[in-house]
Amino acid sequence: MSHAPPDPTLYVRAPVMSAEAGITLSRALFAACVQSFSPAIQKAAAKVNVAADKAQSALALRQKALGKVSDDTARLVDQAGDSSWSALRLRLLGAAELPGATYPDAKRAAELVTILFGPEGLSFLKETYPVQWSTADTILKRIDEEGLEKDIDRIAGKIYLDNIRAQHEQYGGMVQGILLREQAEGVNLNDHVRAMGRAIVDYATKVCASVDEDDPSSISAARSALRPLDAYREAAARRGSSPQPPATPEITTPG
């Protein structure tokens, strides 16, 4: 290790880095912060770590959204859900048309159509996916809370409501995937990269300012604290022929 103090001009600009590399570098810098440093430097190191925390949360959200529901899949799930409700309603409407004198359940079938779908019928199926799911979920809750399942199964057949419940579960997963995708699309990882860069520069600048050229221990402490940043830049330079910086830099911290 060189006995010369670190050159402050080398640390006034943040390194070029991806979100993944920035998180790794920030963690390494925080771990390498020397305990004997002043409270101001310790605070700057903590800010580096906090910036990495926020970037990691945003990155996790973005990565989770990679498994998002595609538009084609969403349409298929929507069609299956719509069909399940339409099938039940048609079944109940058909039963309601039977002669009441011969089929006593005809009156109850008509009542169920009104209870479940009201005057607007299946118009809710034209709403956005989240609204459709919410409306369908409300209908299912009413079926359960008012004990309507027994009559529905007897008149329409058990398979109709069973199918609705199965499709509703799939629909809920699809809606959650879409909402997650929309949330992830609003996350700008570049903002987090810049925030980590600013925190790293602030920390490195304070570390350089702590050096007393007449005190070898302060030089050693500063170089040790900045070693992860130096190692990252050295690794990036070795990969200079690549247009992208290393995603997971080879960084070592003092043991």
Protein backbone atom coordinates (compact mmCIF):
# COMPACT_ATOMS: atom_id res chain seq x y z
CA MET A 1 0.00 0.00 0.00
CA SER A 2 1.31 3.41 -0.96
CA HIS A 3 2.37 5.74 1.86
CA ALA A 4 1.33 8.80 -0.16
CA PRO A 5 -1.99 10.40 0.77
CA PRO A 6 -4.92 9.77 -1.61
CA ASP A 7 -5.31 12.34 -4.37
CA PRO A 8 -8.59 14.21 -3.66
CA THR A 9 -9.06 15.04 -7.35
CA LEU A 10 -9.62 11.35 -8.06
CA TYR A 11 -12.76 11.29 -5.93
CA VAL A 12 -14.63 14.44 -6.94
CA ARG A 13 -16.69 12.57 -9.54
CA ALA A 14 -18.81 9.49 -9.07
CA PRO A 15 -17.75 6.37 -10.94
CA VAL A 16 -19.78 5.13 -13.89
CA MET A 17 -21.88 2.31 -12.50
CA SER A 18 -25.05 0.33 -12.87
CA ALA A 19 -27.58 0.09 -10.04
CA GLU A 20 -26.29 -3.38 -9.14
CA ALA A 21 -22.67 -2.25 -9.13
CA GLY A 22 -23.51 0.89 -7.18
CA ILE A 23 -25.20 -1.14 -4.47
CA THR A 24 -22.23 -3.49 -4.20
CA LEU A 25 -19.75 -0.61 -4.12
CA SER A 26 -21.77 1.33 -1.55
CA ARG A 27 -21.98 -1.70 0.74
CA ALA A 28 -18.24 -2.23 0.47
CA LEU A 29 -17.47 1.42 1.25
CA PHE A 30 -19.75 1.35 4.28
CA ALA A 31 -18.09 -1.84 5.54
CA ALA A 32 -14.63 -0.33 5.01
CA CYS A 33 -15.35 2.84 6.98
CA VAL A 34 -12.73 3.08 9.71
CA GLN A 35 -14.14 3.20 13.23
CA SER A 36 -11.73 5.97 14.26
CA PHE A 37 -13.13 8.39 11.69
CA SER A 38 -14.95 11.51 12.89
CA PRO A 39 -18.75 11.52 13.38
CA ALA A 40 -19.10 13.58 10.19
CA ILE A 41 -17.39 10.88 8.14
CA GLN A 42 -19.35 8.14 9.89
CA LYS A 43 -22.54 10.01 9.03
CA ALA A 44 -21.46 10.32 5.39
CA ALA A 45 -20.79 6.56 5.30
CA ALA A 46 -24.24 5.91 6.74
CA LYS A 47 -25.75 8.03 3.96
CA VAL A 48 -23.95 5.87 1.40
CA ASN A 49 -25.52 2.79 2.96
CA VAL A 50 -28.99 4.36 3.07
CA ALA A 51 -28.72 5.28 -0.62
CA ALA A 52 -27.83 1.64 -1.33
CA ASP A 53 -30.84 0.47 0.70
CA LYS A 54 -33.20 2.60 -1.36
CA ALA A 55 -31.60 1.52 -4.63
CA GLN A 56 -31.84 -2.12 -3.64
CA SER A 57 -35.54 -1.79 -2.81
CA ALA A 58 -36.19 -0.17 -6.18
CA LEU A 59 -34.12 -2.80 -7.97
CA ALA A 60 -36.00 -5.62 -6.22
CA LEU A 61 -39.29 -4.11 -7.31
CA ARG A 62 -38.08 -3.82 -10.89
CA GLN A 63 -36.76 -7.38 -10.93
CA LYS A 64 -39.99 -8.74 -9.48
CA ALA A 65 -41.88 -6.96 -12.22
CA LEU A 66 -39.88 -8.87 -14.84
CA GLY A 67 -42.30 -11.70 -14.17
CA LYS A 68 -45.20 -9.41 -14.92
CA VAL A 69 -48.37 -10.54 -16.63
CA SER A 70 -48.16 -9.94 -20.37
CA ASP A 71 -50.98 -8.12 -22.13
CA ASP A 72 -51.91 -11.29 -24.01
CA THR A 73 -52.08 -13.32 -20.81
CA ALA A 74 -54.17 -10.61 -19.15
CA ARG A 75 -56.67 -10.72 -22.01
CA LEU A 76 -56.99 -14.50 -21.75
CA VAL A 77 -57.54 -14.34 -17.99
CA ASP A 78 -60.07 -11.54 -18.47
CA GLN A 79 -61.97 -13.52 -21.09
CA ALA A 80 -62.10 -16.60 -18.87
CA GLY A 81 -63.34 -14.51 -15.95
CA ASP A 82 -65.97 -12.77 -18.06
CA SER A 83 -67.18 -16.10 -19.42
CA SER A 84 -67.53 -17.58 -15.95
CA TRP A 85 -69.90 -14.80 -14.83
CA SER A 86 -71.78 -14.82 -18.12
CA ALA A 87 -72.31 -18.59 -17.89
CA LEU A 88 -73.82 -18.36 -14.41
CA ARG A 89 -76.07 -15.46 -15.30
CA LEU A 90 -77.36 -17.21 -18.44
CA ARG A 91 -77.97 -20.36 -16.43
CA LEU A 92 -80.02 -18.48 -13.85
CA LEU A 93 -81.90 -16.52 -16.54
CA GLY A 94 -82.76 -19.76 -18.26
CA ALA A 95 -84.09 -21.26 -15.03
CA ALA A 96 -86.12 -18.11 -14.38
CA GLU A 97 -87.92 -18.62 -17.70
CA LEU A 98 -89.26 -22.03 -16.66
CA PRO A 99 -92.94 -22.22 -15.67
CA GLY A 100 -93.20 -21.46 -11.99
CA ALA A 101 -96.07 -23.89 -11.42
CA THR A 102 -93.92 -26.80 -12.51
CA TYR A 103 -90.52 -25.53 -11.36
CA PRO A 104 -90.71 -23.71 -7.99
CA ASP A 105 -87.07 -22.62 -8.27
CA ALA A 106 -87.91 -20.42 -11.27
CA LYS A 107 -88.92 -17.56 -8.99
CA ARG A 108 -85.80 -17.99 -6.87
CA ALA A 109 -83.65 -17.99 -10.01
CA ALA A 110 -85.09 -14.62 -11.02
CA GLU A 111 -84.45 -13.29 -7.53
CA LEU A 112 -80.83 -14.44 -7.66
CA VAL A 113 -80.29 -12.67 -10.99
CA THR A 114 -81.50 -9.44 -9.42
CA ILE A 115 -79.56 -9.94 -6.20
CA LEU A 116 -76.27 -10.75 -7.92
CA PHE A 117 -76.33 -8.55 -10.99
CA GLY A 118 -78.98 -5.89 -10.43
CA PRO A 119 -80.32 -3.78 -13.30
CA GLU A 120 -76.86 -3.26 -14.83
CA GLY A 121 -76.28 -6.95 -15.45
CA LEU A 122 -72.74 -7.72 -16.60
CA SER A 123 -71.80 -4.14 -17.47
CA PHE A 124 -69.06 -4.27 -14.82
CA LEU A 125 -67.17 -6.64 -17.11
CA LYS A 126 -66.44 -3.67 -19.40
CA GLU A 127 -64.57 -1.80 -16.67
CA THR A 128 -60.81 -1.83 -16.09
CA TYR A 129 -59.31 -5.05 -14.77
CA PRO A 130 -58.95 -3.82 -11.16
CA VAL A 131 -62.55 -2.55 -11.11
CA GLN A 132 -63.82 -5.82 -12.58
CA TRP A 133 -61.99 -7.81 -9.93
CA SER A 134 -63.24 -5.58 -7.12
CA THR A 135 -66.87 -5.80 -8.29
CA ALA A 136 -66.66 -9.56 -8.74
CA ASP A 137 -65.08 -9.92 -5.31
CA THR A 138 -67.95 -7.93 -3.78
CA ILE A 139 -70.50 -10.24 -5.43
CA LEU A 140 -68.71 -13.32 -4.14
CA LYS A 141 -68.57 -11.88 -0.64
CA ARG A 142 -72.32 -11.25 -0.78
CA ILE A 143 -72.91 -14.84 -1.89
CA ASP A 144 -70.93 -16.09 1.10
CA GLU A 145 -72.30 -13.64 3.66
CA GLU A 146 -75.94 -14.13 2.64
CA GLY A 147 -75.69 -17.89 2.22
CA LEU A 148 -76.68 -17.84 -1.47
CA GLU A 149 -74.32 -20.59 -2.60
CA LYS A 150 -76.73 -23.40 -1.74
CA ASP A 151 -79.52 -21.99 -3.91
CA ILE A 152 -77.13 -21.15 -6.74
CA ASP A 153 -75.67 -24.65 -6.76
CA ARG A 154 -79.09 -26.27 -6.65
CA ILE A 155 -80.56 -24.20 -9.47
CA ALA A 156 -77.57 -23.59 -11.76
CA GLY A 157 -75.31 -26.48 -10.84
CA LYS A 158 -72.27 -26.52 -8.58
CA ILE A 159 -69.80 -26.29 -11.45
CA TYR A 160 -70.81 -22.71 -12.30
CA LEU A 161 -69.92 -21.09 -9.02
CA ASP A 162 -66.87 -23.34 -8.67
CA ASN A 163 -65.65 -22.09 -12.03
CA ILE A 164 -66.23 -18.48 -11.03
CA ARG A 165 -64.18 -18.91 -7.86
CA ALA A 166 -61.32 -20.57 -9.74
CA GLN A 167 -61.26 -17.88 -12.42
CA HIS A 168 -61.54 -15.14 -9.78
CA GLU A 169 -58.39 -16.37 -8.08
CA GLN A 170 -56.52 -16.28 -11.39
CA TYR A 171 -57.96 -12.83 -12.07
CA GLY A 172 -56.70 -11.52 -8.75
CA GLY A 173 -53.18 -12.70 -9.51
CA MET A 174 -53.34 -11.06 -12.93
CA VAL A 175 -54.50 -7.74 -11.48
CA GLN A 176 -51.75 -7.78 -8.86
CA GLY A 177 -49.20 -8.42 -11.60
CA ILE A 178 -50.45 -5.48 -13.64
CA LEU A 179 -50.43 -3.12 -10.66
CA LEU A 180 -46.91 -4.26 -9.80
CA ARG A 181 -45.80 -3.67 -13.37
CA GLU A 182 -47.26 -0.16 -13.36
CA GLN A 183 -45.58 0.59 -10.05
CA ALA A 184 -42.23 -0.72 -11.31
CA GLU A 185 -42.48 1.29 -14.51
CA GLY A 186 -42.60 4.41 -12.37
CA VAL A 187 -39.29 3.56 -10.71
CA ASN A 188 -36.29 5.34 -12.22
CA LEU A 189 -33.17 3.40 -11.27
CA ASN A 190 -31.01 6.17 -12.72
CA ASP A 191 -32.19 8.46 -9.94
CA HIS A 192 -30.95 5.94 -7.39
CA VAL A 193 -27.64 5.52 -9.19
CA ARG A 194 -27.13 9.28 -9.09
CA ALA A 195 -28.08 9.39 -5.40
CA MET A 196 -25.52 6.70 -4.61
CA GLY A 197 -22.95 8.57 -6.67
CA ARG A 198 -23.51 11.81 -4.76
CA ALA A 199 -23.27 10.00 -1.42
CA ILE A 200 -20.07 8.23 -2.48
CA VAL A 201 -18.44 11.49 -3.62
CA ASP A 202 -19.44 13.24 -0.40
CA TYR A 203 -18.04 10.41 1.68
CA ALA A 204 -14.80 10.12 -0.30
CA THR A 205 -14.26 13.88 -0.16
CA LYS A 206 -14.63 13.90 3.61
CA VAL A 207 -12.26 10.95 3.95
CA CYS A 208 -9.61 12.74 1.86
CA ALA A 209 -10.05 15.88 3.94
CA SER A 210 -9.33 13.90 7.11
CA VAL A 211 -5.77 13.12 6.04
CA ASP A 212 -2.89 14.68 7.93
CA GLU A 213 0.21 14.25 5.75
CA ASP A 214 2.37 14.24 8.89
CA ASP A 215 0.34 11.37 10.36
CA PRO A 216 0.95 8.06 8.52
CA SER A 217 -1.94 6.41 10.36
CA SER A 218 -4.44 8.91 8.90
CA ILE A 219 -3.07 8.21 5.42
CA SER A 220 -3.39 4.47 5.99
CA ALA A 221 -6.93 4.84 7.32
CA ALA A 222 -8.01 6.95 4.36
CA ARG A 223 -6.52 4.58 1.81
CA SER A 224 -8.14 1.62 3.54
CA ALA A 225 -11.52 3.33 3.53
CA LEU A 226 -11.24 4.28 -0.13
CA ARG A 227 -9.85 0.95 -1.29
CA PRO A 228 -13.25 -0.43 -2.46
CA LEU A 229 -13.68 2.62 -4.70
CA ASP A 230 -10.15 2.29 -6.05
CA ALA A 231 -10.70 -1.42 -6.68
CA TYR A 232 -13.94 -0.75 -8.51
CA ARG A 233 -12.28 1.79 -10.81
CA GLU A 234 -9.35 -0.56 -11.44
CA ALA A 235 -11.77 -3.37 -12.34
CA ALA A 236 -13.70 -1.03 -14.63
CA ALA A 237 -10.48 0.07 -16.33
CA ARG A 238 -9.51 -3.57 -16.96
CA ARG A 239 -12.85 -4.02 -18.67
CA GLY A 240 -12.49 -0.75 -20.56
CA SER A 241 -13.22 -2.43 -23.87
CA SER A 242 -16.75 -3.19 -22.66
CA PRO A 243 -19.37 -0.42 -23.01
CA GLN A 244 -20.92 -1.41 -19.70
CA PRO A 245 -19.28 -1.25 -16.25
CA PRO A 246 -19.00 -4.51 -14.32
CA ALA A 247 -22.30 -5.40 -12.64
CA THR A 248 -20.59 -7.05 -9.68
CA PRO A 249 -17.14 -5.50 -9.20
CA GLU A 250 -14.37 -7.45 -7.60
CA ILE A 251 -14.16 -5.54 -4.34
CA THR A 252 -12.36 -6.62 -1.22
CA THR A 253 -12.67 -4.98 2.14
CA PRO A 254 -10.19 -5.05 4.97
CA GLY A 255 -10.53 -8.17 7.09
